[in-house]
Amino acid sequence: MVETYNDAGISGAKGRAQRPGLDRMLHDASKRRFDVVMAWAIDRLGRSLIDLLGTIQHLEACGVDLFLEQQNLDTTTPAGRLMFQVTGAFAEFERAMIRERVKAGLKRAVAQGKTLGRPTIDSELERKAQRELRKGTGILKVAKQLGLGTGTVQRIAREMRA
């Protein structure tokens, strides 16, 4: 059986959530509805390295092979599987480098005296939120009344329960 999965007019830079064709293909791969995914080029699967790796790793985990015409990559052959594994090793290296750069940036920001994390809210505003929550007012309503984010009000409610 041959099935075509298409995301016409949607950028390959979009993630799985914004690409219904890709999402359906990966869902069908999970159900083993096919053995091989064939695409013209690797950029048809994704433009972002992270998204592309997620797609390829998903296919590998499902036991679905990949054939890319333009890159001459075919994981049904030993040479293709080797190339795929080498690509995965480079991708893992890239993720580790990104992690290190983020850590270094955070360390530099702290050394420069910058405060990390979300800003704290005024204690009086927090007490008002607590009073409203104790009255039984819903999280969305409290957030709207006080001009807070719903996540902030959820955190306050969670802390009150603890």
N, C-alpha and C. Protein backbone atom coordinates (compact mmCIF):
# COMPACT_ATOMS: atom_id res chain seq x y z
N MET A 1 0.83 -1.18 0.00
CA MET A 1 0.00 0.00 0.00
C MET A 1 0.88 1.25 0.00
N VAL A 2 0.50 2.23 -0.77
CA VAL A 2 1.22 3.51 -0.84
C VAL A 2 0.28 4.59 -0.35
N GLU A 3 0.79 5.42 0.53
CA GLU A 3 0.01 6.54 1.06
C GLU A 3 0.85 7.80 0.91
N THR A 4 0.21 8.89 0.55
CA THR A 4 0.90 10.17 0.43
C THR A 4 0.49 11.05 1.59
N TYR A 5 1.48 11.60 2.27
CA TYR A 5 1.24 12.52 3.38
C TYR A 5 1.73 13.88 2.92
N ASN A 6 0.87 14.88 3.01
CA ASN A 6 1.17 16.15 2.40
C ASN A 6 0.85 17.29 3.36
N ASP A 7 1.75 18.26 3.40
CA ASP A 7 1.52 19.49 4.16
C ASP A 7 1.69 20.67 3.22
N ALA A 8 0.95 20.67 2.12
CA ALA A 8 1.08 21.71 1.10
C ALA A 8 0.85 23.09 1.71
N GLY A 9 1.78 24.00 1.41
CA GLY A 9 1.63 25.37 1.86
C GLY A 9 2.05 25.61 3.29
N ILE A 10 2.53 24.57 3.99
CA ILE A 10 2.97 24.73 5.38
C ILE A 10 4.48 24.57 5.40
N SER A 11 5.16 25.51 6.00
CA SER A 11 6.62 25.49 6.04
C SER A 11 7.14 24.26 6.75
N GLY A 12 8.23 23.71 6.23
CA GLY A 12 8.90 22.59 6.88
C GLY A 12 9.56 23.00 8.18
N ALA A 13 9.65 24.30 8.42
CA ALA A 13 10.23 24.80 9.67
C ALA A 13 9.25 24.67 10.83
N LYS A 14 7.99 24.43 10.51
CA LYS A 14 6.97 24.24 11.55
C LYS A 14 7.16 22.87 12.19
N GLY A 15 6.77 22.77 13.43
CA GLY A 15 6.87 21.50 14.15
C GLY A 15 5.71 20.57 13.81
N ARG A 16 5.75 19.42 14.40
CA ARG A 16 4.73 18.39 14.15
C ARG A 16 3.32 18.89 14.45
N ALA A 17 3.17 19.69 15.48
CA ALA A 17 1.85 20.17 15.88
C ALA A 17 1.21 21.04 14.80
N GLN A 18 2.03 21.75 14.02
CA GLN A 18 1.49 22.63 12.98
C GLN A 18 1.49 21.98 11.60
N ARG A 19 1.87 20.70 11.52
CA ARG A 19 1.93 20.01 10.23
C ARG A 19 1.08 18.73 10.30
N PRO A 20 -0.21 18.83 9.95
CA PRO A 20 -1.11 17.69 10.08
C PRO A 20 -0.69 16.47 9.25
N GLY A 21 -0.10 16.70 8.08
CA GLY A 21 0.35 15.57 7.25
C GLY A 21 1.48 14.80 7.93
N LEU A 22 2.45 15.53 8.45
CA LEU A 22 3.57 14.91 9.16
C LEU A 22 3.06 14.18 10.40
N ASP A 23 2.17 14.84 11.13
CA ASP A 23 1.62 14.23 12.34
C ASP A 23 0.90 12.92 12.01
N ARG A 24 0.10 12.92 10.94
CA ARG A 24 -0.63 11.71 10.55
C ARG A 24 0.34 10.61 10.12
N MET A 25 1.41 10.99 9.40
CA MET A 25 2.40 10.01 8.96
C MET A 25 3.10 9.38 10.17
N LEU A 26 3.48 10.18 11.16
CA LEU A 26 4.15 9.65 12.34
C LEU A 26 3.19 8.79 13.17
N HIS A 27 1.94 9.19 13.21
CA HIS A 27 0.93 8.39 13.91
C HIS A 27 0.77 7.03 13.22
N ASP A 28 0.69 7.04 11.90
CA ASP A 28 0.56 5.79 11.15
C ASP A 28 1.83 4.93 11.29
N ALA A 29 3.00 5.58 11.39
CA ALA A 29 4.24 4.84 11.60
C ALA A 29 4.18 4.10 12.93
N SER A 30 3.63 4.76 13.95
CA SER A 30 3.51 4.14 15.27
C SER A 30 2.63 2.89 15.21
N LYS A 31 1.67 2.91 14.31
CA LYS A 31 0.76 1.76 14.16
C LYS A 31 1.28 0.75 13.15
N ARG A 32 2.51 1.00 12.63
CA ARG A 32 3.17 0.10 11.67
C ARG A 32 2.31 -0.12 10.43
N ARG A 33 1.70 0.95 9.93
CA ARG A 33 0.89 0.85 8.72
C ARG A 33 1.74 0.81 7.46
N PHE A 34 3.05 1.03 7.62
CA PHE A 34 3.99 0.96 6.49
C PHE A 34 5.37 0.63 7.03
N ASP A 35 6.27 0.26 6.14
CA ASP A 35 7.63 -0.14 6.52
C ASP A 35 8.68 0.91 6.20
N VAL A 36 8.41 1.74 5.17
CA VAL A 36 9.41 2.70 4.71
C VAL A 36 8.74 4.05 4.44
N VAL A 37 9.41 5.12 4.86
CA VAL A 37 9.00 6.47 4.49
C VAL A 37 9.94 6.92 3.39
N MET A 38 9.36 7.37 2.29
CA MET A 38 10.16 7.86 1.18
C MET A 38 9.88 9.34 0.99
N ALA A 39 10.95 10.13 0.90
CA ALA A 39 10.80 11.56 0.68
C ALA A 39 11.85 12.01 -0.33
N TRP A 40 11.56 13.10 -1.01
CA TRP A 40 12.49 13.62 -2.01
C TRP A 40 13.78 14.07 -1.34
N ALA A 41 13.66 14.82 -0.23
CA ALA A 41 14.84 15.34 0.44
C ALA A 41 14.58 15.46 1.93
N ILE A 42 15.64 15.55 2.69
CA ILE A 42 15.54 15.60 4.14
C ILE A 42 14.77 16.84 4.60
N ASP A 43 14.85 17.93 3.84
CA ASP A 43 14.14 19.14 4.25
C ASP A 43 12.64 19.03 4.09
N ARG A 44 12.16 17.97 3.47
CA ARG A 44 10.72 17.71 3.39
C ARG A 44 10.20 17.20 4.73
N LEU A 45 11.09 16.62 5.53
CA LEU A 45 10.69 16.11 6.85
C LEU A 45 10.78 17.19 7.91
N GLY A 46 11.70 18.13 7.75
CA GLY A 46 11.84 19.19 8.73
C GLY A 46 13.04 20.05 8.43
N ARG A 47 12.98 21.30 8.84
CA ARG A 47 14.09 22.22 8.60
C ARG A 47 14.92 22.41 9.86
N SER A 48 14.26 22.38 11.00
CA SER A 48 14.97 22.54 12.25
C SER A 48 15.63 21.21 12.60
N LEU A 49 16.87 21.26 13.01
CA LEU A 49 17.61 20.04 13.33
C LEU A 49 16.92 19.26 14.44
N ILE A 50 16.43 19.96 15.45
CA ILE A 50 15.78 19.29 16.58
C ILE A 50 14.51 18.58 16.11
N ASP A 51 13.66 19.27 15.34
CA ASP A 51 12.44 18.64 14.84
C ASP A 51 12.75 17.47 13.92
N LEU A 52 13.74 17.66 13.06
CA LEU A 52 14.13 16.61 12.12
C LEU A 52 14.61 15.37 12.87
N LEU A 53 15.42 15.58 13.88
CA LEU A 53 15.92 14.45 14.66
C LEU A 53 14.79 13.75 15.40
N GLY A 54 13.86 14.52 15.92
CA GLY A 54 12.71 13.91 16.59
C GLY A 54 11.92 13.03 15.64
N THR A 55 11.72 13.51 14.42
CA THR A 55 10.99 12.74 13.41
C THR A 55 11.75 11.46 13.07
N ILE A 56 13.04 11.59 12.82
CA ILE A 56 13.84 10.42 12.44
C ILE A 56 13.92 9.42 13.59
N GLN A 57 14.09 9.91 14.81
CA GLN A 57 14.15 9.00 15.96
C GLN A 57 12.81 8.30 16.17
N HIS A 58 11.72 9.00 15.92
CA HIS A 58 10.39 8.39 16.04
C HIS A 58 10.26 7.25 15.04
N LEU A 59 10.67 7.50 13.80
CA LEU A 59 10.59 6.45 12.77
C LEU A 59 11.45 5.26 13.16
N GLU A 60 12.65 5.53 13.65
CA GLU A 60 13.55 4.44 14.05
C GLU A 60 12.93 3.63 15.19
N ALA A 61 12.36 4.31 16.17
CA ALA A 61 11.74 3.62 17.31
C ALA A 61 10.56 2.76 16.87
N CYS A 62 9.90 3.17 15.80
CA CYS A 62 8.76 2.41 15.28
C CYS A 62 9.20 1.28 14.35
N GLY A 63 10.49 1.22 14.06
CA GLY A 63 10.98 0.19 13.15
C GLY A 63 10.67 0.50 11.69
N VAL A 64 10.50 1.77 11.38
CA VAL A 64 10.19 2.20 10.02
C VAL A 64 11.46 2.75 9.39
N ASP A 65 11.80 2.25 8.20
CA ASP A 65 12.99 2.71 7.51
C ASP A 65 12.71 4.02 6.80
N LEU A 66 13.80 4.66 6.36
CA LEU A 66 13.70 5.97 5.71
C LEU A 66 14.51 5.95 4.43
N PHE A 67 13.93 6.45 3.37
CA PHE A 67 14.62 6.59 2.09
C PHE A 67 14.50 8.03 1.64
N LEU A 68 15.65 8.70 1.45
CA LEU A 68 15.68 10.07 0.97
C LEU A 68 16.40 10.11 -0.37
N GLU A 69 15.66 10.43 -1.40
CA GLU A 69 16.18 10.39 -2.77
C GLU A 69 17.37 11.31 -2.96
N GLN A 70 17.24 12.58 -2.64
CA GLN A 70 18.27 13.56 -2.93
C GLN A 70 19.56 13.30 -2.15
N GLN A 71 19.45 12.86 -0.90
CA GLN A 71 20.64 12.60 -0.08
C GLN A 71 21.15 11.17 -0.26
N ASN A 72 20.42 10.37 -1.02
CA ASN A 72 20.78 8.97 -1.24
C ASN A 72 20.96 8.24 0.10
N LEU A 73 20.02 8.49 1.02
CA LEU A 73 20.04 7.84 2.31
C LEU A 73 18.95 6.79 2.34
N ASP A 74 19.34 5.56 2.62
CA ASP A 74 18.39 4.44 2.62
C ASP A 74 18.70 3.56 3.82
N THR A 75 17.89 3.65 4.87
CA THR A 75 18.19 2.90 6.09
C THR A 75 17.81 1.42 5.96
N THR A 76 17.36 1.00 4.78
CA THR A 76 17.12 -0.43 4.59
C THR A 76 18.43 -1.15 4.25
N THR A 77 19.51 -0.37 4.00
CA THR A 77 20.82 -0.98 3.69
C THR A 77 21.77 -0.75 4.85
N PRO A 78 22.78 -1.61 5.00
CA PRO A 78 23.76 -1.41 6.08
C PRO A 78 24.47 -0.05 6.00
N ALA A 79 24.85 0.38 4.79
CA ALA A 79 25.53 1.67 4.63
C ALA A 79 24.59 2.82 5.02
N GLY A 80 23.35 2.70 4.67
CA GLY A 80 22.37 3.73 5.01
C GLY A 80 22.14 3.82 6.51
N ARG A 81 22.07 2.65 7.17
CA ARG A 81 21.91 2.64 8.62
C ARG A 81 23.13 3.27 9.31
N LEU A 82 24.33 2.97 8.79
CA LEU A 82 25.55 3.56 9.34
C LEU A 82 25.50 5.08 9.21
N MET A 83 25.14 5.56 8.03
CA MET A 83 25.06 7.01 7.80
C MET A 83 24.04 7.64 8.75
N PHE A 84 22.94 6.96 8.94
CA PHE A 84 21.89 7.43 9.84
C PHE A 84 22.42 7.52 11.27
N GLN A 85 23.16 6.50 11.71
CA GLN A 85 23.70 6.48 13.07
C GLN A 85 24.75 7.56 13.25
N VAL A 86 25.57 7.80 12.23
CA VAL A 86 26.58 8.87 12.31
C VAL A 86 25.88 10.22 12.42
N THR A 87 24.82 10.40 11.64
CA THR A 87 24.05 11.64 11.70
C THR A 87 23.46 11.83 13.10
N GLY A 88 22.96 10.76 13.68
CA GLY A 88 22.42 10.82 15.03
C GLY A 88 23.47 11.19 16.05
N ALA A 89 24.69 10.68 15.88
CA ALA A 89 25.78 11.01 16.81
C ALA A 89 26.11 12.50 16.73
N PHE A 90 26.15 13.05 15.50
CA PHE A 90 26.40 14.48 15.36
C PHE A 90 25.27 15.30 15.96
N ALA A 91 24.07 14.84 15.83
CA ALA A 91 22.92 15.56 16.39
C ALA A 91 22.99 15.57 17.91
N GLU A 92 23.36 14.45 18.50
CA GLU A 92 23.50 14.37 19.95
C GLU A 92 24.60 15.33 20.42
N PHE A 93 25.70 15.39 19.65
CA PHE A 93 26.78 16.31 19.95
C PHE A 93 26.28 17.75 19.90
N GLU A 94 25.48 18.08 18.88
CA GLU A 94 24.93 19.43 18.73
C GLU A 94 24.03 19.78 19.92
N ARG A 95 23.20 18.85 20.36
CA ARG A 95 22.34 19.10 21.53
C ARG A 95 23.18 19.36 22.77
N ALA A 96 24.26 18.61 22.95
CA ALA A 96 25.14 18.80 24.11
C ALA A 96 25.81 20.18 24.05
N MET A 97 26.20 20.60 22.86
CA MET A 97 26.83 21.92 22.70
C MET A 97 25.83 23.03 23.03
N ILE A 98 24.59 22.86 22.60
CA ILE A 98 23.55 23.86 22.91
C ILE A 98 23.36 23.95 24.42
N ARG A 99 23.30 22.78 25.09
CA ARG A 99 23.16 22.76 26.55
C ARG A 99 24.30 23.52 27.22
N GLU A 100 25.52 23.27 26.77
CA GLU A 100 26.69 23.93 27.36
C GLU A 100 26.64 25.44 27.14
N ARG A 101 26.22 25.87 25.95
CA ARG A 101 26.12 27.31 25.67
C ARG A 101 25.07 27.97 26.56
N VAL A 102 23.96 27.28 26.77
CA VAL A 102 22.90 27.82 27.63
C VAL A 102 23.41 27.96 29.06
N LYS A 103 24.07 26.91 29.57
CA LYS A 103 24.62 26.96 30.93
C LYS A 103 25.61 28.11 31.07
N ALA A 104 26.49 28.27 30.08
CA ALA A 104 27.49 29.34 30.13
C ALA A 104 26.81 30.70 30.11
N GLY A 105 25.77 30.85 29.31
CA GLY A 105 25.04 32.11 29.24
C GLY A 105 24.35 32.44 30.55
N LEU A 106 23.76 31.44 31.19
CA LEU A 106 23.11 31.65 32.49
C LEU A 106 24.14 32.03 33.55
N LYS A 107 25.27 31.36 33.53
CA LYS A 107 26.34 31.65 34.50
C LYS A 107 26.85 33.08 34.31
N ARG A 108 27.03 33.50 33.05
CA ARG A 108 27.49 34.85 32.75
C ARG A 108 26.45 35.89 33.22
N ALA A 109 25.17 35.60 33.00
CA ALA A 109 24.10 36.53 33.41
C ALA A 109 24.10 36.70 34.93
N VAL A 110 24.25 35.61 35.67
CA VAL A 110 24.29 35.68 37.13
C VAL A 110 25.51 36.47 37.58
N ALA A 111 26.66 36.24 36.93
CA ALA A 111 27.88 36.96 37.28
C ALA A 111 27.74 38.46 37.03
N GLN A 112 26.90 38.82 36.06
CA GLN A 112 26.67 40.24 35.75
C GLN A 112 25.58 40.83 36.63
N GLY A 113 25.07 40.02 37.57
CA GLY A 113 24.09 40.53 38.52
C GLY A 113 22.65 40.47 38.05
N LYS A 114 22.39 39.79 36.96
CA LYS A 114 21.02 39.70 36.46
C LYS A 114 20.24 38.68 37.27
N THR A 115 18.97 38.96 37.50
CA THR A 115 18.09 38.06 38.22
C THR A 115 17.45 37.12 37.22
N LEU A 116 17.56 35.84 37.48
CA LEU A 116 16.97 34.85 36.59
C LEU A 116 15.59 34.46 37.07
N GLY A 117 14.80 33.94 36.18
CA GLY A 117 13.46 33.48 36.54
C GLY A 117 12.42 34.56 36.36
N ARG A 118 11.21 34.19 36.69
CA ARG A 118 10.11 35.13 36.56
C ARG A 118 10.16 36.14 37.69
N PRO A 119 9.72 37.36 37.40
CA PRO A 119 9.72 38.36 38.48
C PRO A 119 8.69 37.99 39.54
N THR A 120 9.01 38.32 40.78
CA THR A 120 8.06 38.05 41.86
C THR A 120 6.92 39.06 41.78
N ILE A 121 5.76 38.65 42.28
CA ILE A 121 4.64 39.58 42.29
C ILE A 121 4.57 40.25 43.65
N ASP A 122 3.95 41.40 43.69
CA ASP A 122 3.78 42.16 44.91
C ASP A 122 3.06 41.30 45.96
N SER A 123 3.54 41.34 47.21
CA SER A 123 2.96 40.50 48.26
C SER A 123 1.49 40.83 48.51
N GLU A 124 1.11 42.09 48.39
CA GLU A 124 -0.29 42.46 48.57
C GLU A 124 -1.17 41.86 47.48
N LEU A 125 -0.66 41.86 46.26
CA LEU A 125 -1.40 41.26 45.14
C LEU A 125 -1.55 39.75 45.36
N GLU A 126 -0.52 39.13 45.89
CA GLU A 126 -0.60 37.69 46.17
C GLU A 126 -1.64 37.42 47.26
N ARG A 127 -1.67 38.25 48.29
CA ARG A 127 -2.67 38.09 49.36
C ARG A 127 -4.09 38.25 48.81
N LYS A 128 -4.29 39.22 47.90
CA LYS A 128 -5.60 39.41 47.29
C LYS A 128 -6.01 38.16 46.52
N ALA A 129 -5.07 37.59 45.79
CA ALA A 129 -5.36 36.36 45.03
C ALA A 129 -5.73 35.23 45.99
N GLN A 130 -5.01 35.11 47.09
CA GLN A 130 -5.31 34.07 48.08
C GLN A 130 -6.71 34.26 48.66
N ARG A 131 -7.06 35.52 48.98
CA ARG A 131 -8.40 35.79 49.52
C ARG A 131 -9.49 35.36 48.53
N GLU A 132 -9.30 35.73 47.28
CA GLU A 132 -10.30 35.39 46.25
C GLU A 132 -10.40 33.87 46.08
N LEU A 133 -9.25 33.19 46.08
CA LEU A 133 -9.26 31.73 45.94
C LEU A 133 -9.95 31.07 47.13
N ARG A 134 -9.72 31.60 48.33
CA ARG A 134 -10.38 31.04 49.53
C ARG A 134 -11.89 31.22 49.46
N LYS A 135 -12.34 32.30 48.82
CA LYS A 135 -13.78 32.53 48.65
C LYS A 135 -14.38 31.55 47.65
N GLY A 136 -13.52 30.87 46.90
CA GLY A 136 -14.03 29.93 45.90
C GLY A 136 -14.05 30.50 44.49
N THR A 137 -13.50 31.68 44.31
CA THR A 137 -13.43 32.28 42.98
C THR A 137 -12.49 31.42 42.13
N GLY A 138 -12.86 31.22 40.88
CA GLY A 138 -12.06 30.39 39.98
C GLY A 138 -10.74 31.03 39.58
N ILE A 139 -9.82 30.22 39.16
CA ILE A 139 -8.47 30.67 38.80
C ILE A 139 -8.52 31.70 37.67
N LEU A 140 -9.31 31.41 36.63
CA LEU A 140 -9.37 32.34 35.51
C LEU A 140 -9.94 33.70 35.92
N LYS A 141 -10.96 33.66 36.74
CA LYS A 141 -11.58 34.91 37.18
C LYS A 141 -10.62 35.71 38.07
N VAL A 142 -9.92 35.04 38.98
CA VAL A 142 -8.95 35.73 39.85
C VAL A 142 -7.85 36.36 38.99
N ALA A 143 -7.37 35.61 38.04
CA ALA A 143 -6.31 36.12 37.16
C ALA A 143 -6.77 37.36 36.43
N LYS A 144 -7.98 37.31 35.90
CA LYS A 144 -8.51 38.45 35.14
C LYS A 144 -8.75 39.65 36.05
N GLN A 145 -9.32 39.42 37.22
CA GLN A 145 -9.60 40.51 38.16
C GLN A 145 -8.34 41.25 38.59
N LEU A 146 -7.29 40.47 38.84
CA LEU A 146 -6.07 41.07 39.41
C LEU A 146 -4.98 41.36 38.37
N GLY A 147 -5.25 41.00 37.12
CA GLY A 147 -4.26 41.24 36.08
C GLY A 147 -3.05 40.34 36.18
N LEU A 148 -3.27 39.13 36.67
CA LEU A 148 -2.18 38.15 36.79
C LEU A 148 -2.33 37.09 35.71
N GLY A 149 -1.26 36.38 35.47
CA GLY A 149 -1.33 35.25 34.56
C GLY A 149 -1.99 34.07 35.26
N THR A 150 -2.63 33.22 34.48
CA THR A 150 -3.29 32.06 35.10
C THR A 150 -2.27 31.12 35.74
N GLY A 151 -1.09 31.03 35.16
CA GLY A 151 -0.05 30.19 35.76
C GLY A 151 0.35 30.69 37.13
N THR A 152 0.41 32.00 37.29
CA THR A 152 0.75 32.59 38.59
C THR A 152 -0.32 32.26 39.61
N VAL A 153 -1.59 32.40 39.22
CA VAL A 153 -2.68 32.09 40.14
C VAL A 153 -2.69 30.60 40.46
N GLN A 154 -2.40 29.76 39.49
CA GLN A 154 -2.33 28.32 39.74
C GLN A 154 -1.22 28.01 40.74
N ARG A 155 -0.09 28.69 40.61
CA ARG A 155 1.01 28.48 41.56
C ARG A 155 0.57 28.89 42.97
N ILE A 156 -0.10 30.02 43.09
CA ILE A 156 -0.57 30.50 44.40
C ILE A 156 -1.53 29.47 45.01
N ALA A 157 -2.45 28.97 44.20
CA ALA A 157 -3.41 27.96 44.67
C ALA A 157 -2.70 26.69 45.12
N ARG A 158 -1.70 26.28 44.36
CA ARG A 158 -0.93 25.08 44.69
C ARG A 158 -0.19 25.26 46.02
N GLU A 159 0.39 26.44 46.20
CA GLU A 159 1.12 26.73 47.44
C GLU A 159 0.17 26.78 48.63
N MET A 160 -1.07 27.24 48.39
CA MET A 160 -2.06 27.28 49.48
C MET A 160 -2.44 25.86 49.90
N ARG A 161 -2.51 24.95 48.96
CA ARG A 161 -2.87 23.56 49.27
C ARG A 161 -1.74 22.83 50.01
N ALA A 162 -0.52 23.25 49.76
CA ALA A 162 0.65 22.55 50.34
C ALA A 162 0.86 22.86 51.80
